[in-house]
N, C-alpha and C. Protein backbone atom coordinates (compact mmCIF):
# COMPACT_ATOMS: atom_id res chain seq x y z
N MET A 1 -3.51 8.40 -8.44
CA MET A 1 -3.56 6.97 -8.72
C MET A 1 -2.91 6.74 -10.07
N LEU A 2 -1.83 5.97 -10.08
CA LEU A 2 -1.13 5.62 -11.32
C LEU A 2 -1.50 4.18 -11.66
N ILE A 3 -2.03 3.97 -12.85
CA ILE A 3 -2.48 2.64 -13.26
C ILE A 3 -1.76 2.26 -14.54
N PRO A 4 -0.75 1.36 -14.47
CA PRO A 4 -0.10 0.89 -15.69
C PRO A 4 -1.01 -0.09 -16.42
N GLU A 5 -1.11 0.03 -17.72
CA GLU A 5 -1.95 -0.86 -18.52
C GLU A 5 -1.12 -1.50 -19.61
N PRO A 6 -1.34 -2.78 -19.85
CA PRO A 6 -0.57 -3.44 -20.91
C PRO A 6 -0.93 -2.87 -22.28
N GLY A 7 0.01 -2.94 -23.16
CA GLY A 7 -0.23 -2.43 -24.52
C GLY A 7 1.04 -1.85 -25.10
N ARG A 8 1.21 -2.02 -26.40
CA ARG A 8 2.41 -1.52 -27.06
C ARG A 8 2.30 -0.05 -27.43
N ARG A 9 1.11 0.43 -27.61
CA ARG A 9 0.92 1.82 -28.03
C ARG A 9 1.11 2.76 -26.84
N ASP A 10 1.92 3.79 -27.02
CA ASP A 10 2.16 4.76 -25.96
C ASP A 10 0.93 5.66 -25.79
N ALA A 11 0.51 5.82 -24.53
CA ALA A 11 -0.65 6.66 -24.27
C ALA A 11 -0.69 7.05 -22.80
N VAL A 12 -1.21 8.24 -22.54
CA VAL A 12 -1.44 8.72 -21.17
C VAL A 12 -2.84 9.29 -21.13
N ALA A 13 -3.66 8.75 -20.25
CA ALA A 13 -5.03 9.25 -20.10
C ALA A 13 -5.24 9.63 -18.64
N ALA A 14 -5.77 10.83 -18.41
CA ALA A 14 -5.92 11.32 -17.03
C ALA A 14 -7.32 11.84 -16.79
N SER A 15 -7.76 11.70 -15.54
CA SER A 15 -9.03 12.28 -15.11
C SER A 15 -8.84 12.83 -13.71
N ALA A 16 -9.53 13.92 -13.42
CA ALA A 16 -9.42 14.55 -12.11
C ALA A 16 -10.82 14.75 -11.53
N ALA A 17 -10.94 14.57 -10.22
CA ALA A 17 -12.22 14.75 -9.55
C ALA A 17 -11.97 15.31 -8.16
N VAL A 18 -12.95 16.00 -7.65
CA VAL A 18 -12.91 16.50 -6.28
C VAL A 18 -13.87 15.65 -5.47
N ARG A 19 -13.34 15.02 -4.43
CA ARG A 19 -14.16 14.12 -3.61
C ARG A 19 -14.29 14.68 -2.20
N GLU A 20 -15.45 14.44 -1.64
CA GLU A 20 -15.76 14.93 -0.30
C GLU A 20 -15.83 13.73 0.66
N PHE A 21 -15.09 13.83 1.76
CA PHE A 21 -15.03 12.74 2.73
C PHE A 21 -15.59 13.22 4.06
N VAL A 22 -16.54 12.48 4.59
CA VAL A 22 -17.14 12.81 5.88
C VAL A 22 -16.33 12.16 7.00
N LEU A 23 -15.96 12.94 8.01
CA LEU A 23 -15.25 12.42 9.17
C LEU A 23 -16.28 12.06 10.23
N HIS A 24 -16.43 10.78 10.49
CA HIS A 24 -17.45 10.31 11.42
C HIS A 24 -17.16 10.82 12.83
N GLY A 25 -18.19 11.33 13.46
CA GLY A 25 -18.06 11.84 14.82
C GLY A 25 -17.58 13.26 14.90
N ILE A 26 -17.26 13.87 13.74
CA ILE A 26 -16.78 15.26 13.71
C ILE A 26 -17.64 16.04 12.73
N ASP A 27 -18.04 17.22 13.13
CA ASP A 27 -18.95 18.02 12.32
C ASP A 27 -18.18 18.82 11.26
N ARG A 28 -17.42 18.12 10.43
CA ARG A 28 -16.74 18.78 9.32
C ARG A 28 -16.37 17.73 8.28
N GLU A 29 -15.97 18.19 7.13
CA GLU A 29 -15.64 17.30 6.03
C GLU A 29 -14.28 17.66 5.44
N VAL A 30 -13.73 16.75 4.69
CA VAL A 30 -12.46 16.99 4.00
C VAL A 30 -12.70 16.88 2.50
N VAL A 31 -12.23 17.85 1.77
CA VAL A 31 -12.36 17.84 0.31
C VAL A 31 -10.97 17.61 -0.28
N SER A 32 -10.87 16.66 -1.19
CA SER A 32 -9.56 16.30 -1.73
C SER A 32 -9.65 16.10 -3.24
N GLU A 33 -8.56 16.43 -3.91
CA GLU A 33 -8.44 16.15 -5.34
C GLU A 33 -7.96 14.71 -5.54
N VAL A 34 -8.59 14.01 -6.43
CA VAL A 34 -8.17 12.67 -6.80
C VAL A 34 -7.85 12.66 -8.29
N ILE A 35 -6.60 12.40 -8.61
CA ILE A 35 -6.16 12.40 -10.02
C ILE A 35 -5.80 10.97 -10.40
N GLU A 36 -6.44 10.47 -11.43
CA GLU A 36 -6.20 9.11 -11.90
C GLU A 36 -5.51 9.17 -13.26
N VAL A 37 -4.36 8.53 -13.34
CA VAL A 37 -3.57 8.57 -14.58
C VAL A 37 -3.33 7.13 -15.05
N ARG A 38 -3.73 6.84 -16.27
CA ARG A 38 -3.50 5.52 -16.87
C ARG A 38 -2.33 5.62 -17.84
N LEU A 39 -1.34 4.77 -17.64
CA LEU A 39 -0.10 4.82 -18.41
C LEU A 39 0.02 3.56 -19.27
N ARG A 40 0.26 3.76 -20.53
CA ARG A 40 0.40 2.63 -21.44
C ARG A 40 1.69 2.77 -22.25
N GLY A 41 2.38 1.65 -22.41
CA GLY A 41 3.61 1.67 -23.19
C GLY A 41 4.77 2.30 -22.42
N ARG A 42 5.58 3.10 -23.10
CA ARG A 42 6.76 3.70 -22.49
C ARG A 42 6.46 4.62 -21.31
N PRO A 43 5.36 5.38 -21.30
CA PRO A 43 5.06 6.21 -20.13
C PRO A 43 4.95 5.41 -18.83
N ALA A 44 4.55 4.14 -18.90
CA ALA A 44 4.45 3.32 -17.70
C ALA A 44 5.81 3.03 -17.09
N GLU A 45 6.87 3.17 -17.90
CA GLU A 45 8.22 2.93 -17.41
C GLU A 45 8.82 4.16 -16.74
N HIS A 46 8.16 5.32 -16.87
CA HIS A 46 8.69 6.56 -16.32
C HIS A 46 7.60 7.33 -15.58
N PRO A 47 7.10 6.76 -14.47
CA PRO A 47 6.00 7.41 -13.74
C PRO A 47 6.41 8.69 -13.04
N ALA A 48 7.68 8.85 -12.70
CA ALA A 48 8.11 10.04 -11.97
C ALA A 48 7.85 11.31 -12.78
N SER A 49 7.99 11.23 -14.10
CA SER A 49 7.77 12.41 -14.93
C SER A 49 6.31 12.84 -14.89
N ILE A 50 5.42 11.92 -14.57
CA ILE A 50 3.99 12.23 -14.44
C ILE A 50 3.70 12.78 -13.05
N VAL A 51 4.35 12.21 -12.04
CA VAL A 51 4.06 12.55 -10.64
C VAL A 51 4.62 13.90 -10.24
N LEU A 52 5.84 14.18 -10.62
CA LEU A 52 6.54 15.38 -10.12
C LEU A 52 5.76 16.68 -10.33
N PRO A 53 5.18 16.93 -11.50
CA PRO A 53 4.46 18.21 -11.65
C PRO A 53 3.21 18.32 -10.78
N LEU A 54 2.72 17.20 -10.24
CA LEU A 54 1.50 17.21 -9.45
C LEU A 54 1.75 17.40 -7.96
N LEU A 55 3.01 17.32 -7.53
CA LEU A 55 3.33 17.37 -6.11
C LEU A 55 3.35 18.80 -5.60
N LEU A 56 2.98 18.95 -4.33
CA LEU A 56 3.05 20.24 -3.66
C LEU A 56 4.34 20.31 -2.86
N SER A 57 5.09 21.37 -3.01
CA SER A 57 6.39 21.49 -2.33
C SER A 57 6.21 21.51 -0.83
N ASP A 58 7.20 20.97 -0.13
CA ASP A 58 7.28 20.96 1.33
C ASP A 58 6.25 20.06 2.00
N LEU A 59 5.52 19.25 1.22
CA LEU A 59 4.61 18.28 1.82
C LEU A 59 5.19 16.88 1.63
N PRO A 60 5.06 16.01 2.63
CA PRO A 60 5.57 14.65 2.48
C PRO A 60 4.81 13.89 1.40
N VAL A 61 5.50 12.99 0.74
CA VAL A 61 4.92 12.21 -0.36
C VAL A 61 4.94 10.73 0.00
N PHE A 62 3.77 10.12 -0.04
CA PHE A 62 3.64 8.70 0.23
C PHE A 62 3.20 7.98 -1.03
N CYS A 63 3.66 6.74 -1.19
CA CYS A 63 3.18 5.89 -2.28
C CYS A 63 2.67 4.58 -1.68
N ARG A 64 1.40 4.27 -1.90
CA ARG A 64 0.86 2.97 -1.53
C ARG A 64 0.91 2.10 -2.77
N TRP A 65 1.89 1.18 -2.80
CA TRP A 65 2.09 0.33 -3.97
C TRP A 65 1.24 -0.92 -3.80
N ARG A 66 0.24 -1.08 -4.65
CA ARG A 66 -0.64 -2.23 -4.58
C ARG A 66 0.00 -3.43 -5.25
N GLY A 67 -0.13 -4.61 -4.62
CA GLY A 67 0.48 -5.81 -5.17
C GLY A 67 1.98 -5.83 -4.93
N GLU A 68 2.65 -6.78 -5.56
CA GLU A 68 4.10 -6.90 -5.38
C GLU A 68 4.82 -5.93 -6.31
N PRO A 69 5.76 -5.14 -5.78
CA PRO A 69 6.51 -4.22 -6.64
C PRO A 69 7.26 -4.96 -7.74
N SER A 70 7.45 -4.29 -8.84
CA SER A 70 8.23 -4.86 -9.95
C SER A 70 9.71 -4.66 -9.65
N TRP A 71 10.27 -5.59 -8.89
CA TRP A 71 11.63 -5.47 -8.38
C TRP A 71 12.62 -5.21 -9.52
N GLY A 72 13.49 -4.24 -9.32
CA GLY A 72 14.53 -3.96 -10.29
C GLY A 72 14.07 -3.14 -11.48
N SER A 73 12.78 -2.81 -11.55
CA SER A 73 12.29 -2.05 -12.70
C SER A 73 12.64 -0.58 -12.56
N GLY A 74 12.72 0.09 -13.70
CA GLY A 74 12.97 1.52 -13.68
C GLY A 74 11.82 2.29 -13.05
N ALA A 75 10.59 1.79 -13.24
CA ALA A 75 9.43 2.47 -12.66
C ALA A 75 9.50 2.50 -11.14
N LEU A 76 9.87 1.37 -10.53
CA LEU A 76 9.98 1.32 -9.07
C LEU A 76 11.09 2.24 -8.58
N GLN A 77 12.23 2.22 -9.23
CA GLN A 77 13.35 3.06 -8.82
C GLN A 77 12.99 4.54 -8.92
N GLU A 78 12.24 4.91 -9.96
CA GLU A 78 11.83 6.31 -10.10
C GLU A 78 10.89 6.72 -8.98
N ILE A 79 9.92 5.87 -8.66
CA ILE A 79 8.96 6.19 -7.60
C ILE A 79 9.67 6.33 -6.26
N VAL A 80 10.63 5.46 -5.99
CA VAL A 80 11.35 5.49 -4.71
C VAL A 80 12.13 6.79 -4.57
N THR A 81 12.64 7.32 -5.67
CA THR A 81 13.40 8.58 -5.59
C THR A 81 12.49 9.79 -5.38
N VAL A 82 11.20 9.65 -5.69
CA VAL A 82 10.25 10.76 -5.58
C VAL A 82 9.59 10.81 -4.21
N VAL A 83 9.31 9.64 -3.61
CA VAL A 83 8.50 9.60 -2.39
C VAL A 83 9.37 9.66 -1.14
N ASP A 84 8.74 10.08 -0.03
CA ASP A 84 9.39 10.01 1.27
C ASP A 84 9.14 8.68 1.94
N ARG A 85 7.98 8.07 1.65
CA ARG A 85 7.63 6.80 2.27
C ARG A 85 6.93 5.90 1.27
N LEU A 86 7.38 4.65 1.21
CA LEU A 86 6.77 3.63 0.36
C LEU A 86 5.99 2.67 1.25
N VAL A 87 4.70 2.51 0.97
CA VAL A 87 3.83 1.66 1.78
C VAL A 87 3.43 0.45 0.94
N VAL A 88 3.73 -0.75 1.44
CA VAL A 88 3.39 -1.99 0.76
C VAL A 88 2.57 -2.87 1.70
N ASP A 89 2.07 -3.96 1.17
CA ASP A 89 1.44 -5.00 1.98
C ASP A 89 1.97 -6.32 1.48
N SER A 90 2.94 -6.89 2.18
CA SER A 90 3.62 -8.08 1.68
C SER A 90 2.71 -9.31 1.65
N SER A 91 1.53 -9.24 2.27
CA SER A 91 0.60 -10.36 2.16
C SER A 91 0.00 -10.43 0.75
N GLU A 92 0.19 -9.40 -0.06
CA GLU A 92 -0.28 -9.38 -1.44
C GLU A 92 0.74 -10.01 -2.39
N TRP A 93 1.91 -10.38 -1.88
CA TRP A 93 2.98 -10.89 -2.73
C TRP A 93 2.87 -12.40 -2.89
N ARG A 94 3.35 -12.88 -4.02
CA ARG A 94 3.33 -14.32 -4.27
C ARG A 94 4.29 -15.06 -3.34
N SER A 95 5.47 -14.50 -3.13
CA SER A 95 6.46 -15.14 -2.25
C SER A 95 7.06 -14.07 -1.34
N PRO A 96 6.45 -13.82 -0.18
CA PRO A 96 6.97 -12.76 0.71
C PRO A 96 8.42 -12.98 1.13
N GLY A 97 8.80 -14.22 1.38
CA GLY A 97 10.16 -14.49 1.83
C GLY A 97 11.21 -13.98 0.86
N ARG A 98 11.02 -14.22 -0.43
CA ARG A 98 11.96 -13.72 -1.43
C ARG A 98 11.82 -12.22 -1.59
N GLY A 99 10.58 -11.72 -1.48
CA GLY A 99 10.35 -10.30 -1.66
C GLY A 99 11.04 -9.44 -0.63
N TYR A 100 11.16 -9.93 0.61
CA TYR A 100 11.79 -9.13 1.66
C TYR A 100 13.25 -8.84 1.33
N GLY A 101 13.92 -9.79 0.69
CA GLY A 101 15.31 -9.55 0.31
C GLY A 101 15.42 -8.43 -0.71
N GLN A 102 14.44 -8.34 -1.62
CA GLN A 102 14.42 -7.26 -2.60
C GLN A 102 14.04 -5.94 -1.94
N LEU A 103 13.07 -5.98 -1.03
CA LEU A 103 12.61 -4.77 -0.37
C LEU A 103 13.71 -4.11 0.45
N GLU A 104 14.55 -4.93 1.06
CA GLU A 104 15.63 -4.42 1.91
C GLU A 104 16.55 -3.48 1.14
N ARG A 105 16.68 -3.68 -0.15
CA ARG A 105 17.57 -2.84 -0.96
C ARG A 105 17.04 -1.42 -1.10
N LEU A 106 15.77 -1.21 -0.77
CA LEU A 106 15.17 0.12 -0.91
C LEU A 106 15.24 0.93 0.37
N PHE A 107 15.65 0.32 1.48
CA PHE A 107 15.61 1.00 2.78
C PHE A 107 16.43 2.28 2.80
N ALA A 108 17.53 2.31 2.07
CA ALA A 108 18.40 3.49 2.09
C ALA A 108 17.84 4.62 1.23
N SER A 109 16.87 4.30 0.36
CA SER A 109 16.34 5.31 -0.57
C SER A 109 15.06 5.96 -0.06
N ALA A 110 14.24 5.20 0.68
CA ALA A 110 12.97 5.73 1.18
C ALA A 110 12.56 4.95 2.42
N ALA A 111 11.84 5.61 3.31
CA ALA A 111 11.28 4.91 4.45
C ALA A 111 10.22 3.94 3.94
N VAL A 112 10.18 2.74 4.51
CA VAL A 112 9.27 1.70 4.02
C VAL A 112 8.33 1.27 5.13
N SER A 113 7.06 1.14 4.80
CA SER A 113 6.06 0.60 5.71
C SER A 113 5.45 -0.65 5.09
N ASP A 114 5.09 -1.60 5.94
CA ASP A 114 4.46 -2.83 5.48
C ASP A 114 3.19 -3.02 6.30
N LEU A 115 2.04 -3.01 5.64
CA LEU A 115 0.77 -3.15 6.36
C LEU A 115 0.66 -4.53 7.02
N ALA A 116 1.34 -5.53 6.47
CA ALA A 116 1.35 -6.85 7.10
C ALA A 116 2.04 -6.78 8.46
N TYR A 117 3.11 -5.99 8.54
CA TYR A 117 3.81 -5.82 9.82
C TYR A 117 2.95 -5.04 10.80
N ARG A 118 2.28 -4.00 10.32
CA ARG A 118 1.41 -3.21 11.19
C ARG A 118 0.29 -4.08 11.77
N ARG A 119 -0.21 -5.04 10.98
CA ARG A 119 -1.28 -5.92 11.46
C ARG A 119 -0.83 -6.80 12.61
N THR A 120 0.47 -7.08 12.68
CA THR A 120 0.96 -7.97 13.75
C THR A 120 1.18 -7.25 15.07
N LEU A 121 0.98 -5.92 15.12
CA LEU A 121 1.27 -5.16 16.33
C LEU A 121 0.58 -5.72 17.58
N PRO A 122 -0.72 -6.03 17.56
CA PRO A 122 -1.34 -6.57 18.78
C PRO A 122 -0.70 -7.87 19.24
N TRP A 123 -0.28 -8.72 18.30
CA TRP A 123 0.37 -9.98 18.68
C TRP A 123 1.79 -9.75 19.17
N ARG A 124 2.48 -8.77 18.60
CA ARG A 124 3.83 -8.46 19.10
C ARG A 124 3.75 -7.94 20.54
N GLN A 125 2.71 -7.18 20.83
CA GLN A 125 2.53 -6.70 22.20
C GLN A 125 2.29 -7.86 23.16
N ARG A 126 1.50 -8.83 22.71
CA ARG A 126 1.26 -10.00 23.54
C ARG A 126 2.55 -10.79 23.77
N LEU A 127 3.35 -10.96 22.74
CA LEU A 127 4.61 -11.69 22.88
C LEU A 127 5.56 -10.94 23.80
N ALA A 128 5.60 -9.60 23.69
CA ALA A 128 6.49 -8.80 24.54
C ALA A 128 6.10 -8.92 26.01
N GLU A 129 4.81 -9.16 26.28
CA GLU A 129 4.36 -9.31 27.66
C GLU A 129 4.93 -10.57 28.31
N ARG A 130 5.44 -11.48 27.49
CA ARG A 130 6.01 -12.73 28.02
C ARG A 130 7.48 -12.59 28.42
N TRP A 131 8.02 -11.40 28.29
CA TRP A 131 9.39 -11.17 28.72
C TRP A 131 9.47 -11.26 30.25
N PRO A 132 10.51 -11.89 30.83
CA PRO A 132 11.73 -12.38 30.18
C PRO A 132 11.66 -13.84 29.74
N GLY A 133 10.55 -14.52 30.03
CA GLY A 133 10.48 -15.94 29.72
C GLY A 133 10.63 -16.25 28.24
N ILE A 134 10.17 -15.33 27.38
CA ILE A 134 10.20 -15.61 25.95
C ILE A 134 11.61 -15.59 25.38
N ARG A 135 12.59 -15.14 26.14
CA ARG A 135 13.96 -15.09 25.60
C ARG A 135 14.52 -16.49 25.35
N THR A 136 13.88 -17.52 25.91
CA THR A 136 14.35 -18.90 25.69
C THR A 136 13.54 -19.61 24.62
N ILE A 137 12.67 -18.90 23.92
CA ILE A 137 11.82 -19.52 22.92
C ILE A 137 12.63 -20.28 21.88
N ARG A 138 12.12 -21.45 21.50
CA ARG A 138 12.76 -22.26 20.46
C ARG A 138 11.92 -22.28 19.17
N THR A 139 10.58 -22.38 19.33
CA THR A 139 9.71 -22.51 18.16
C THR A 139 8.50 -21.60 18.30
N LEU A 140 8.23 -20.86 17.23
CA LEU A 140 7.03 -20.02 17.15
C LEU A 140 6.10 -20.64 16.12
N GLN A 141 4.86 -20.86 16.51
CA GLN A 141 3.86 -21.38 15.57
C GLN A 141 2.77 -20.34 15.38
N VAL A 142 2.48 -20.02 14.13
CA VAL A 142 1.51 -18.98 13.81
C VAL A 142 0.45 -19.53 12.87
N THR A 143 -0.80 -19.31 13.22
CA THR A 143 -1.92 -19.60 12.32
C THR A 143 -2.35 -18.28 11.70
N GLY A 144 -2.06 -18.11 10.41
CA GLY A 144 -2.35 -16.84 9.76
C GLY A 144 -1.66 -16.76 8.41
N PRO A 145 -1.67 -15.59 7.77
CA PRO A 145 -0.99 -15.40 6.49
C PRO A 145 0.52 -15.61 6.63
N ARG A 146 1.14 -16.13 5.59
CA ARG A 146 2.58 -16.40 5.66
C ARG A 146 3.38 -15.13 5.89
N ALA A 147 3.00 -14.02 5.25
CA ALA A 147 3.74 -12.78 5.42
C ALA A 147 3.72 -12.33 6.88
N ASP A 148 2.55 -12.35 7.50
CA ASP A 148 2.43 -11.94 8.91
C ASP A 148 3.28 -12.83 9.80
N ALA A 149 3.25 -14.15 9.51
CA ALA A 149 4.02 -15.10 10.32
C ALA A 149 5.52 -14.86 10.17
N LEU A 150 5.99 -14.64 8.93
CA LEU A 150 7.41 -14.39 8.70
C LEU A 150 7.87 -13.13 9.43
N LEU A 151 7.03 -12.10 9.42
CA LEU A 151 7.41 -10.86 10.08
C LEU A 151 7.40 -10.99 11.60
N LEU A 152 6.47 -11.76 12.14
CA LEU A 152 6.48 -12.02 13.59
C LEU A 152 7.75 -12.74 13.99
N ALA A 153 8.10 -13.78 13.22
CA ALA A 153 9.32 -14.52 13.53
C ALA A 153 10.56 -13.66 13.32
N GLY A 154 10.58 -12.87 12.25
CA GLY A 154 11.72 -11.99 12.01
C GLY A 154 11.90 -10.97 13.11
N TRP A 155 10.78 -10.44 13.61
CA TRP A 155 10.83 -9.48 14.72
C TRP A 155 11.44 -10.14 15.96
N LEU A 156 10.99 -11.35 16.29
CA LEU A 156 11.53 -12.05 17.46
C LEU A 156 13.02 -12.32 17.29
N ARG A 157 13.40 -12.81 16.11
CA ARG A 157 14.82 -13.14 15.88
C ARG A 157 15.70 -11.89 16.00
N SER A 158 15.22 -10.76 15.46
CA SER A 158 16.03 -9.54 15.52
C SER A 158 16.13 -9.00 16.94
N ARG A 159 15.07 -9.15 17.72
CA ARG A 159 15.10 -8.65 19.11
C ARG A 159 15.93 -9.56 20.00
N LEU A 160 15.84 -10.88 19.78
CA LEU A 160 16.58 -11.83 20.61
C LEU A 160 17.98 -12.09 20.08
N ARG A 161 18.21 -11.68 18.83
CA ARG A 161 19.52 -11.85 18.18
C ARG A 161 19.94 -13.31 18.09
N ARG A 162 18.99 -14.14 17.76
CA ARG A 162 19.29 -15.55 17.54
C ARG A 162 18.17 -16.19 16.73
N GLU A 163 18.39 -17.42 16.31
CA GLU A 163 17.42 -18.11 15.47
C GLU A 163 16.22 -18.59 16.28
N VAL A 164 15.04 -18.48 15.69
CA VAL A 164 13.81 -19.02 16.26
C VAL A 164 13.10 -19.77 15.13
N ALA A 165 12.79 -21.05 15.35
CA ALA A 165 12.11 -21.85 14.33
C ALA A 165 10.68 -21.35 14.15
N LEU A 166 10.16 -21.45 12.93
CA LEU A 166 8.81 -20.98 12.63
C LEU A 166 8.00 -22.08 11.96
N ARG A 167 6.78 -22.27 12.46
CA ARG A 167 5.81 -23.16 11.83
C ARG A 167 4.57 -22.34 11.50
N VAL A 168 4.06 -22.53 10.28
CA VAL A 168 2.93 -21.71 9.83
C VAL A 168 1.77 -22.60 9.42
N ARG A 169 0.58 -22.25 9.92
CA ARG A 169 -0.67 -22.84 9.46
C ARG A 169 -1.44 -21.75 8.74
N ALA A 170 -1.72 -21.97 7.48
CA ALA A 170 -2.31 -20.92 6.65
C ALA A 170 -3.71 -20.54 7.12
N ALA A 171 -3.98 -19.24 7.14
CA ALA A 171 -5.30 -18.70 7.47
C ALA A 171 -5.38 -17.29 6.92
N GLY A 172 -6.58 -16.77 6.80
CA GLY A 172 -6.77 -15.44 6.23
C GLY A 172 -6.25 -14.32 7.10
N GLU A 173 -6.19 -14.52 8.41
CA GLU A 173 -5.63 -13.56 9.34
C GLU A 173 -5.03 -14.33 10.51
N VAL A 174 -4.22 -13.64 11.30
CA VAL A 174 -3.59 -14.31 12.44
C VAL A 174 -4.66 -14.57 13.50
N THR A 175 -4.90 -15.86 13.75
CA THR A 175 -5.92 -16.24 14.73
C THR A 175 -5.32 -16.93 15.95
N ALA A 176 -4.07 -17.40 15.85
CA ALA A 176 -3.45 -18.08 16.98
C ALA A 176 -1.94 -18.01 16.87
N VAL A 177 -1.28 -17.85 18.01
CA VAL A 177 0.18 -17.85 18.11
C VAL A 177 0.56 -18.73 19.29
N THR A 178 1.54 -19.60 19.06
CA THR A 178 1.97 -20.52 20.10
C THR A 178 3.47 -20.42 20.29
N VAL A 179 3.92 -20.36 21.53
CA VAL A 179 5.34 -20.29 21.87
C VAL A 179 5.73 -21.61 22.53
N ASP A 180 6.54 -22.40 21.83
CA ASP A 180 6.97 -23.71 22.35
C ASP A 180 5.79 -24.52 22.86
N GLY A 181 4.70 -24.50 22.10
CA GLY A 181 3.53 -25.27 22.46
C GLY A 181 2.56 -24.59 23.41
N SER A 182 2.95 -23.44 23.96
CA SER A 182 2.10 -22.71 24.90
C SER A 182 1.33 -21.62 24.15
N PRO A 183 -0.01 -21.68 24.12
CA PRO A 183 -0.79 -20.67 23.38
C PRO A 183 -0.62 -19.27 23.98
N VAL A 184 -0.51 -18.29 23.10
CA VAL A 184 -0.44 -16.89 23.51
C VAL A 184 -1.87 -16.35 23.58
N GLU A 185 -2.18 -15.64 24.65
CA GLU A 185 -3.52 -15.09 24.79
C GLU A 185 -3.81 -14.11 23.66
N PRO A 186 -4.91 -14.30 22.93
CA PRO A 186 -5.21 -13.39 21.81
C PRO A 186 -5.40 -11.96 22.30
N PRO A 187 -5.01 -10.98 21.50
CA PRO A 187 -5.22 -9.58 21.89
C PRO A 187 -6.71 -9.25 21.93
N ALA A 188 -7.05 -8.26 22.73
CA ALA A 188 -8.46 -7.86 22.85
C ALA A 188 -9.00 -7.40 21.51
N VAL A 189 -8.20 -6.67 20.77
CA VAL A 189 -8.58 -6.23 19.42
C VAL A 189 -7.54 -6.77 18.46
N ASN A 190 -7.95 -7.71 17.63
CA ASN A 190 -6.99 -8.36 16.73
C ASN A 190 -7.07 -7.72 15.35
N GLY A 191 -6.19 -6.77 15.11
CA GLY A 191 -6.09 -6.17 13.79
C GLY A 191 -7.08 -5.05 13.56
N ALA A 192 -6.93 -4.42 12.40
CA ALA A 192 -7.80 -3.30 12.01
C ALA A 192 -8.03 -3.38 10.51
N GLY A 193 -8.98 -2.59 10.03
CA GLY A 193 -9.26 -2.58 8.61
C GLY A 193 -8.14 -1.95 7.80
N ALA A 194 -8.19 -2.16 6.50
CA ALA A 194 -7.13 -1.66 5.62
C ALA A 194 -6.99 -0.15 5.70
N SER A 195 -8.10 0.57 5.78
CA SER A 195 -8.04 2.03 5.83
C SER A 195 -7.37 2.50 7.11
N ALA A 196 -7.72 1.87 8.25
CA ALA A 196 -7.13 2.26 9.53
C ALA A 196 -5.64 1.95 9.55
N LEU A 197 -5.24 0.82 8.96
CA LEU A 197 -3.82 0.47 8.91
C LEU A 197 -3.04 1.49 8.09
N LEU A 198 -3.58 1.84 6.93
CA LEU A 198 -2.89 2.82 6.07
C LEU A 198 -2.85 4.18 6.74
N SER A 199 -3.94 4.57 7.39
CA SER A 199 -3.98 5.86 8.08
C SER A 199 -2.90 5.94 9.14
N ALA A 200 -2.70 4.85 9.88
CA ALA A 200 -1.66 4.83 10.91
C ALA A 200 -0.27 5.03 10.32
N GLU A 201 -0.04 4.44 9.14
CA GLU A 201 1.27 4.57 8.51
C GLU A 201 1.51 5.98 7.99
N LEU A 202 0.45 6.69 7.63
CA LEU A 202 0.61 8.05 7.10
C LEU A 202 1.00 9.04 8.19
N ASP A 203 0.92 8.61 9.44
CA ASP A 203 1.36 9.47 10.55
C ASP A 203 2.84 9.29 10.86
N VAL A 204 3.50 8.36 10.16
CA VAL A 204 4.90 8.04 10.43
C VAL A 204 5.76 8.56 9.28
N LEU A 205 6.78 9.33 9.60
CA LEU A 205 7.66 9.88 8.57
C LEU A 205 9.05 9.26 8.59
N ALA A 206 9.55 8.93 9.77
CA ALA A 206 10.92 8.42 9.88
C ALA A 206 10.98 6.93 9.53
N ARG A 207 12.18 6.45 9.29
CA ARG A 207 12.39 5.03 9.05
C ARG A 207 12.09 4.23 10.32
N ASP A 208 11.50 3.07 10.14
CA ASP A 208 11.20 2.17 11.26
C ASP A 208 12.32 1.13 11.32
N ARG A 209 13.31 1.39 12.18
CA ARG A 209 14.48 0.50 12.24
C ARG A 209 14.13 -0.89 12.76
N VAL A 210 13.13 -0.96 13.64
CA VAL A 210 12.74 -2.28 14.17
C VAL A 210 12.12 -3.13 13.08
N TYR A 211 11.28 -2.51 12.24
CA TYR A 211 10.71 -3.23 11.10
C TYR A 211 11.80 -3.65 10.15
N GLU A 212 12.73 -2.76 9.85
CA GLU A 212 13.81 -3.07 8.92
C GLU A 212 14.63 -4.26 9.43
N ALA A 213 14.86 -4.30 10.73
CA ALA A 213 15.60 -5.41 11.32
C ALA A 213 14.83 -6.71 11.20
N ALA A 214 13.50 -6.61 11.39
CA ALA A 214 12.67 -7.82 11.24
C ALA A 214 12.71 -8.35 9.82
């Protein structure tokens, strides 16, 4: 865990702990090292120098970046060169629409996952069930977070290769989707918790071209 802290004075403070995690339904446990590093001043601008000595060779490296990345910063560029996969949640960003343009520039450097996109999977499955009728869609209306709605619309536009209008009604999670005024049947299981979403992304190593297109 890398935690940048404001302050002019340069400092690095670290703590290490061994944590035990119980796997529910399985008669065994997982023991893991958790290293927390607080970076102040210039060290916060060069996180890769802190991370590299801690990595184990030949194992994939994931970074779960909390909040909106500091676009164009040296810290972000360093992390992208170190990791195999960058995991974000664009629903945490102030302006997801602008952020996607910045995120796209990182696709060639590291595989990117977006937990907001993963959350839309049940609804994308429902929309796909409307094929071939959905190919004539003109307007998509989504009740939910703006990031989730933008990604649903982007996915449709990239698959259909044409423009689809989007209307958004703000909500904490996607609760309704309408295609040209026709309600889409809600999925049996709508979404998953943050831990389950992140766990699913840690099983993916390759670039997700469909997400990138969206």
